[in-house]
């Protein structure tokens, strides 16, 4: 699903498919066009989607607000091994917080 110009509305349409997919291991949504709204919807879904271990959300339009919801998701997700937010619209402060998680091996910035 990478490089498909998916916006926030498209991400919302994708959620029912994610909810019903019980064997999805990796979610690659890099290089799309969704922002905080899409990130928030994804965070709500990913929190309960225990089969996804790797999630690449790099090169979108996610700012600190959307990234915070993903951070909460990541901290509460027992099975997520890796999430990338590289090349999004994050502030220096949030980048520092995200890099602290990188030390634990769960994120990449």
N, C-alpha and C. Protein backbone atom coordinates (compact mmCIF):
# COMPACT_ATOMS: atom_id res chain seq x y z
N UNK A 1 0.80 -1.20 0.00
CA UNK A 1 0.00 0.00 0.00
C UNK A 1 0.84 1.26 0.00
N UNK A 2 2.13 1.11 -0.12
CA UNK A 2 3.00 2.29 -0.15
C UNK A 2 2.88 2.98 -1.50
N UNK A 3 3.18 4.26 -1.51
CA UNK A 3 3.23 5.09 -2.73
C UNK A 3 1.90 5.07 -3.51
N UNK A 4 0.79 5.24 -2.80
CA UNK A 4 -0.52 5.23 -3.45
C UNK A 4 -1.31 6.51 -3.27
N UNK A 5 -0.70 7.56 -2.74
CA UNK A 5 -1.39 8.84 -2.51
C UNK A 5 -2.60 8.69 -1.61
N UNK A 6 -2.55 7.76 -0.65
CA UNK A 6 -3.67 7.56 0.26
C UNK A 6 -3.78 8.74 1.22
N UNK A 7 -4.96 9.34 1.28
CA UNK A 7 -5.22 10.44 2.20
C UNK A 7 -5.95 9.95 3.43
N UNK A 8 -6.38 10.87 4.26
CA UNK A 8 -7.06 10.53 5.51
C UNK A 8 -8.34 9.72 5.27
N UNK A 9 -9.13 10.12 4.29
CA UNK A 9 -10.38 9.41 3.98
C UNK A 9 -10.07 7.98 3.52
N UNK A 10 -9.01 7.83 2.74
CA UNK A 10 -8.62 6.49 2.26
C UNK A 10 -8.20 5.59 3.41
N UNK A 11 -7.49 6.16 4.38
CA UNK A 11 -7.07 5.38 5.54
C UNK A 11 -8.29 4.90 6.32
N UNK A 12 -9.29 5.78 6.47
CA UNK A 12 -10.53 5.38 7.16
C UNK A 12 -11.22 4.24 6.42
N UNK A 13 -11.19 4.26 5.10
CA UNK A 13 -11.81 3.19 4.31
C UNK A 13 -11.03 1.89 4.44
N UNK A 14 -9.76 1.98 4.73
CA UNK A 14 -8.89 0.81 4.86
C UNK A 14 -9.12 0.05 6.17
N UNK A 15 -9.58 0.74 7.20
CA UNK A 15 -9.70 0.17 8.55
C UNK A 15 -10.54 -1.10 8.61
N UNK A 16 -11.72 -1.17 8.01
CA UNK A 16 -12.48 -2.43 8.09
C UNK A 16 -11.70 -3.63 7.56
N UNK A 17 -10.91 -3.41 6.52
CA UNK A 17 -10.09 -4.49 5.99
C UNK A 17 -9.00 -4.92 6.96
N UNK A 18 -8.42 -3.95 7.66
CA UNK A 18 -7.40 -4.28 8.66
C UNK A 18 -8.01 -5.06 9.82
N UNK A 19 -9.20 -4.63 10.23
CA UNK A 19 -9.88 -5.30 11.34
C UNK A 19 -10.19 -6.75 11.04
N UNK A 20 -10.49 -7.04 9.78
CA UNK A 20 -10.87 -8.41 9.42
C UNK A 20 -9.70 -9.28 8.97
N UNK A 21 -8.52 -8.71 8.87
CA UNK A 21 -7.35 -9.46 8.40
C UNK A 21 -6.57 -10.00 9.60
N UNK A 22 -6.72 -11.26 9.86
CA UNK A 22 -6.12 -11.84 11.07
C UNK A 22 -4.70 -12.37 10.86
N UNK A 23 -4.17 -12.27 9.64
CA UNK A 23 -2.83 -12.80 9.41
C UNK A 23 -1.86 -11.74 8.88
N UNK A 24 -2.23 -10.47 8.97
CA UNK A 24 -1.37 -9.40 8.47
C UNK A 24 -0.22 -9.15 9.43
N UNK A 25 1.00 -9.34 8.97
CA UNK A 25 2.20 -9.20 9.79
C UNK A 25 2.84 -7.82 9.64
N UNK A 26 2.81 -7.27 8.43
CA UNK A 26 3.48 -6.00 8.13
C UNK A 26 2.52 -5.06 7.41
N UNK A 27 2.52 -3.80 7.85
CA UNK A 27 1.69 -2.78 7.22
C UNK A 27 2.62 -1.69 6.69
N UNK A 28 2.67 -1.54 5.38
CA UNK A 28 3.57 -0.57 4.74
C UNK A 28 2.73 0.53 4.10
N UNK A 29 2.65 1.67 4.79
CA UNK A 29 1.90 2.82 4.29
C UNK A 29 2.82 4.01 4.04
N UNK A 30 4.08 3.75 3.75
CA UNK A 30 5.03 4.84 3.53
C UNK A 30 4.71 5.55 2.21
N UNK A 31 5.15 6.79 2.14
CA UNK A 31 5.01 7.62 0.94
C UNK A 31 3.57 7.72 0.45
N UNK A 32 2.68 8.08 1.36
CA UNK A 32 1.30 8.38 1.01
C UNK A 32 1.04 9.83 1.36
N UNK A 33 -0.21 10.20 1.58
CA UNK A 33 -0.51 11.61 1.81
C UNK A 33 -1.40 11.83 3.04
N UNK A 34 -1.49 10.87 3.94
CA UNK A 34 -2.37 11.06 5.09
C UNK A 34 -1.68 11.84 6.20
N UNK A 35 -2.50 12.46 7.02
CA UNK A 35 -2.00 13.36 8.06
C UNK A 35 -2.41 12.84 9.45
N UNK A 36 -2.58 13.77 10.38
CA UNK A 36 -2.91 13.41 11.76
C UNK A 36 -4.22 12.65 11.87
N UNK A 37 -5.21 13.03 11.10
CA UNK A 37 -6.50 12.34 11.16
C UNK A 37 -6.33 10.86 10.81
N UNK A 38 -5.60 10.57 9.74
CA UNK A 38 -5.34 9.19 9.37
C UNK A 38 -4.51 8.46 10.40
N UNK A 39 -3.54 9.16 10.98
CA UNK A 39 -2.70 8.56 12.03
C UNK A 39 -3.53 8.21 13.26
N UNK A 40 -4.46 9.09 13.63
CA UNK A 40 -5.32 8.83 14.78
C UNK A 40 -6.19 7.60 14.56
N UNK A 41 -6.78 7.49 13.37
CA UNK A 41 -7.62 6.34 13.05
C UNK A 41 -6.79 5.06 13.06
N UNK A 42 -5.60 5.13 12.49
CA UNK A 42 -4.70 3.97 12.49
C UNK A 42 -4.32 3.57 13.91
N UNK A 43 -4.00 4.55 14.75
CA UNK A 43 -3.60 4.26 16.13
C UNK A 43 -4.70 3.53 16.87
N UNK A 44 -5.93 3.97 16.69
CA UNK A 44 -7.06 3.29 17.36
C UNK A 44 -7.18 1.85 16.92
N UNK A 45 -6.96 1.61 15.64
CA UNK A 45 -7.08 0.26 15.10
C UNK A 45 -5.88 -0.61 15.46
N UNK A 46 -4.68 -0.06 15.33
CA UNK A 46 -3.46 -0.83 15.60
C UNK A 46 -3.36 -1.27 17.04
N UNK A 47 -3.93 -0.50 17.93
CA UNK A 47 -3.86 -0.85 19.34
C UNK A 47 -4.46 -2.23 19.61
N UNK A 48 -5.46 -2.61 18.83
CA UNK A 48 -6.14 -3.89 19.03
C UNK A 48 -5.81 -4.92 17.95
N UNK A 49 -4.99 -4.54 16.99
CA UNK A 49 -4.59 -5.43 15.90
C UNK A 49 -3.27 -6.08 16.30
N UNK A 50 -3.33 -7.24 16.90
CA UNK A 50 -2.14 -7.86 17.51
C UNK A 50 -1.28 -8.65 16.53
N UNK A 51 -1.73 -8.84 15.29
CA UNK A 51 -0.90 -9.62 14.36
C UNK A 51 0.14 -8.75 13.67
N UNK A 52 -0.09 -7.44 13.58
CA UNK A 52 0.87 -6.57 12.90
C UNK A 52 2.07 -6.32 13.80
N UNK A 53 3.23 -6.70 13.31
CA UNK A 53 4.48 -6.54 14.05
C UNK A 53 5.32 -5.37 13.54
N UNK A 54 5.18 -5.06 12.26
CA UNK A 54 5.97 -4.01 11.61
C UNK A 54 5.02 -3.03 10.93
N UNK A 55 5.23 -1.75 11.18
CA UNK A 55 4.36 -0.71 10.61
C UNK A 55 5.22 0.45 10.13
N UNK A 56 5.23 0.69 8.83
CA UNK A 56 6.02 1.77 8.25
C UNK A 56 5.09 2.89 7.80
N UNK A 57 5.15 4.02 8.51
CA UNK A 57 4.33 5.18 8.21
C UNK A 57 5.20 6.36 7.77
N UNK A 58 6.39 6.08 7.31
CA UNK A 58 7.32 7.15 6.93
C UNK A 58 6.84 7.89 5.69
N UNK A 59 7.33 9.12 5.57
CA UNK A 59 7.08 9.98 4.41
C UNK A 59 5.59 10.23 4.15
N UNK A 60 4.88 10.64 5.20
CA UNK A 60 3.49 11.08 5.09
C UNK A 60 3.42 12.51 5.59
N UNK A 61 2.28 12.92 6.09
CA UNK A 61 2.09 14.29 6.57
C UNK A 61 1.69 14.30 8.04
N UNK A 62 2.28 13.41 8.81
CA UNK A 62 1.94 13.26 10.22
C UNK A 62 2.75 14.27 11.04
N UNK A 63 2.05 15.05 11.87
CA UNK A 63 2.72 16.00 12.76
C UNK A 63 2.72 15.44 14.19
N UNK A 64 3.14 16.25 15.13
CA UNK A 64 3.22 15.81 16.53
C UNK A 64 1.90 15.26 17.05
N UNK A 65 0.81 15.89 16.69
CA UNK A 65 -0.51 15.48 17.19
C UNK A 65 -0.83 14.04 16.80
N UNK A 66 -0.69 13.72 15.54
CA UNK A 66 -0.94 12.35 15.08
C UNK A 66 0.08 11.37 15.60
N UNK A 67 1.32 11.82 15.70
CA UNK A 67 2.39 10.95 16.19
C UNK A 67 2.19 10.60 17.66
N UNK A 68 1.62 11.53 18.43
CA UNK A 68 1.36 11.25 19.86
C UNK A 68 0.37 10.10 20.01
N UNK A 69 -0.65 10.07 19.16
CA UNK A 69 -1.61 8.96 19.24
C UNK A 69 -0.94 7.64 18.86
N UNK A 70 -0.01 7.69 17.91
CA UNK A 70 0.73 6.48 17.53
C UNK A 70 1.68 6.05 18.65
N UNK A 71 2.25 7.01 19.33
CA UNK A 71 3.14 6.71 20.45
C UNK A 71 2.39 5.99 21.56
N UNK A 72 1.20 6.47 21.88
CA UNK A 72 0.36 5.81 22.89
C UNK A 72 0.04 4.39 22.44
N UNK A 73 -0.29 4.24 21.17
CA UNK A 73 -0.57 2.92 20.61
C UNK A 73 0.63 2.00 20.76
N UNK A 74 1.80 2.51 20.41
CA UNK A 74 3.01 1.70 20.45
C UNK A 74 3.35 1.27 21.87
N UNK A 75 3.20 2.17 22.81
CA UNK A 75 3.48 1.84 24.21
C UNK A 75 2.49 0.82 24.76
N UNK A 76 1.24 0.85 24.29
CA UNK A 76 0.23 -0.07 24.79
C UNK A 76 0.13 -1.35 23.99
N UNK A 77 0.90 -1.47 22.94
CA UNK A 77 0.84 -2.61 22.02
C UNK A 77 1.91 -3.62 22.42
N UNK A 78 1.50 -4.76 22.88
CA UNK A 78 2.44 -5.75 23.36
C UNK A 78 3.21 -6.49 22.28
N UNK A 79 2.70 -6.48 21.05
CA UNK A 79 3.33 -7.31 20.02
C UNK A 79 3.99 -6.52 18.89
N UNK A 80 3.80 -5.19 18.85
CA UNK A 80 4.43 -4.37 17.80
C UNK A 80 5.94 -4.35 18.02
N UNK A 81 6.68 -4.73 16.99
CA UNK A 81 8.14 -4.79 17.09
C UNK A 81 8.82 -3.55 16.51
N UNK A 82 8.17 -2.91 15.53
CA UNK A 82 8.82 -1.80 14.84
C UNK A 82 7.79 -0.87 14.21
N UNK A 83 7.99 0.43 14.39
CA UNK A 83 7.16 1.43 13.72
C UNK A 83 8.06 2.57 13.27
N UNK A 84 7.93 2.97 12.02
CA UNK A 84 8.74 4.05 11.48
C UNK A 84 7.87 5.27 11.18
N UNK A 85 8.37 6.43 11.60
CA UNK A 85 7.75 7.72 11.28
C UNK A 85 8.76 8.64 10.60
N UNK A 86 9.74 8.06 9.95
CA UNK A 86 10.76 8.87 9.28
C UNK A 86 10.13 9.83 8.28
N UNK A 87 10.75 11.00 8.16
CA UNK A 87 10.39 12.00 7.15
C UNK A 87 8.91 12.39 7.18
N UNK A 88 8.40 12.64 8.39
CA UNK A 88 7.09 13.22 8.56
C UNK A 88 7.28 14.64 9.04
N UNK A 89 6.26 15.28 9.54
CA UNK A 89 6.32 16.69 9.92
C UNK A 89 6.41 16.85 11.44
N UNK A 90 7.38 16.21 12.06
CA UNK A 90 7.49 16.20 13.52
C UNK A 90 8.44 17.28 14.01
N UNK A 91 8.12 17.84 15.17
CA UNK A 91 8.97 18.86 15.78
C UNK A 91 10.22 18.23 16.39
N UNK A 92 11.18 19.06 16.73
CA UNK A 92 12.40 18.58 17.36
C UNK A 92 12.15 17.90 18.69
N UNK A 93 11.21 18.43 19.48
CA UNK A 93 10.88 17.84 20.78
C UNK A 93 10.30 16.45 20.61
N UNK A 94 9.39 16.31 19.68
CA UNK A 94 8.80 14.99 19.48
C UNK A 94 9.82 14.02 18.90
N UNK A 95 10.67 14.52 18.03
CA UNK A 95 11.72 13.67 17.47
C UNK A 95 12.59 13.10 18.58
N UNK A 96 12.90 13.92 19.57
CA UNK A 96 13.71 13.45 20.71
C UNK A 96 12.99 12.33 21.45
N UNK A 97 11.71 12.50 21.71
CA UNK A 97 10.94 11.46 22.42
C UNK A 97 10.90 10.17 21.62
N UNK A 98 10.68 10.32 20.33
CA UNK A 98 10.61 9.14 19.46
C UNK A 98 11.95 8.41 19.44
N UNK A 99 13.04 9.16 19.43
CA UNK A 99 14.37 8.55 19.42
C UNK A 99 14.67 7.83 20.72
N UNK A 100 14.07 8.26 21.82
CA UNK A 100 14.21 7.53 23.07
C UNK A 100 13.63 6.13 22.94
N UNK A 101 12.52 6.01 22.24
CA UNK A 101 11.95 4.70 21.99
C UNK A 101 12.81 3.89 21.04
N UNK A 102 13.52 4.58 20.14
CA UNK A 102 14.38 3.89 19.18
C UNK A 102 15.45 3.08 19.91
N UNK A 103 15.89 3.58 21.04
CA UNK A 103 16.88 2.86 21.84
C UNK A 103 16.32 1.51 22.26
N UNK A 104 15.02 1.45 22.51
CA UNK A 104 14.38 0.20 22.88
C UNK A 104 14.18 -0.70 21.66
N UNK A 105 14.47 -0.18 20.46
CA UNK A 105 14.37 -0.98 19.24
C UNK A 105 12.96 -1.04 18.65
N UNK A 106 12.03 -0.20 19.11
CA UNK A 106 10.67 -0.27 18.62
C UNK A 106 10.36 0.77 17.56
N UNK A 107 11.20 1.74 17.39
CA UNK A 107 10.88 2.80 16.45
C UNK A 107 12.07 3.12 15.57
N UNK A 108 11.79 3.87 14.52
CA UNK A 108 12.85 4.41 13.70
C UNK A 108 12.43 5.80 13.29
N UNK A 109 13.35 6.73 13.39
CA UNK A 109 13.03 8.08 13.00
C UNK A 109 14.09 8.58 12.04
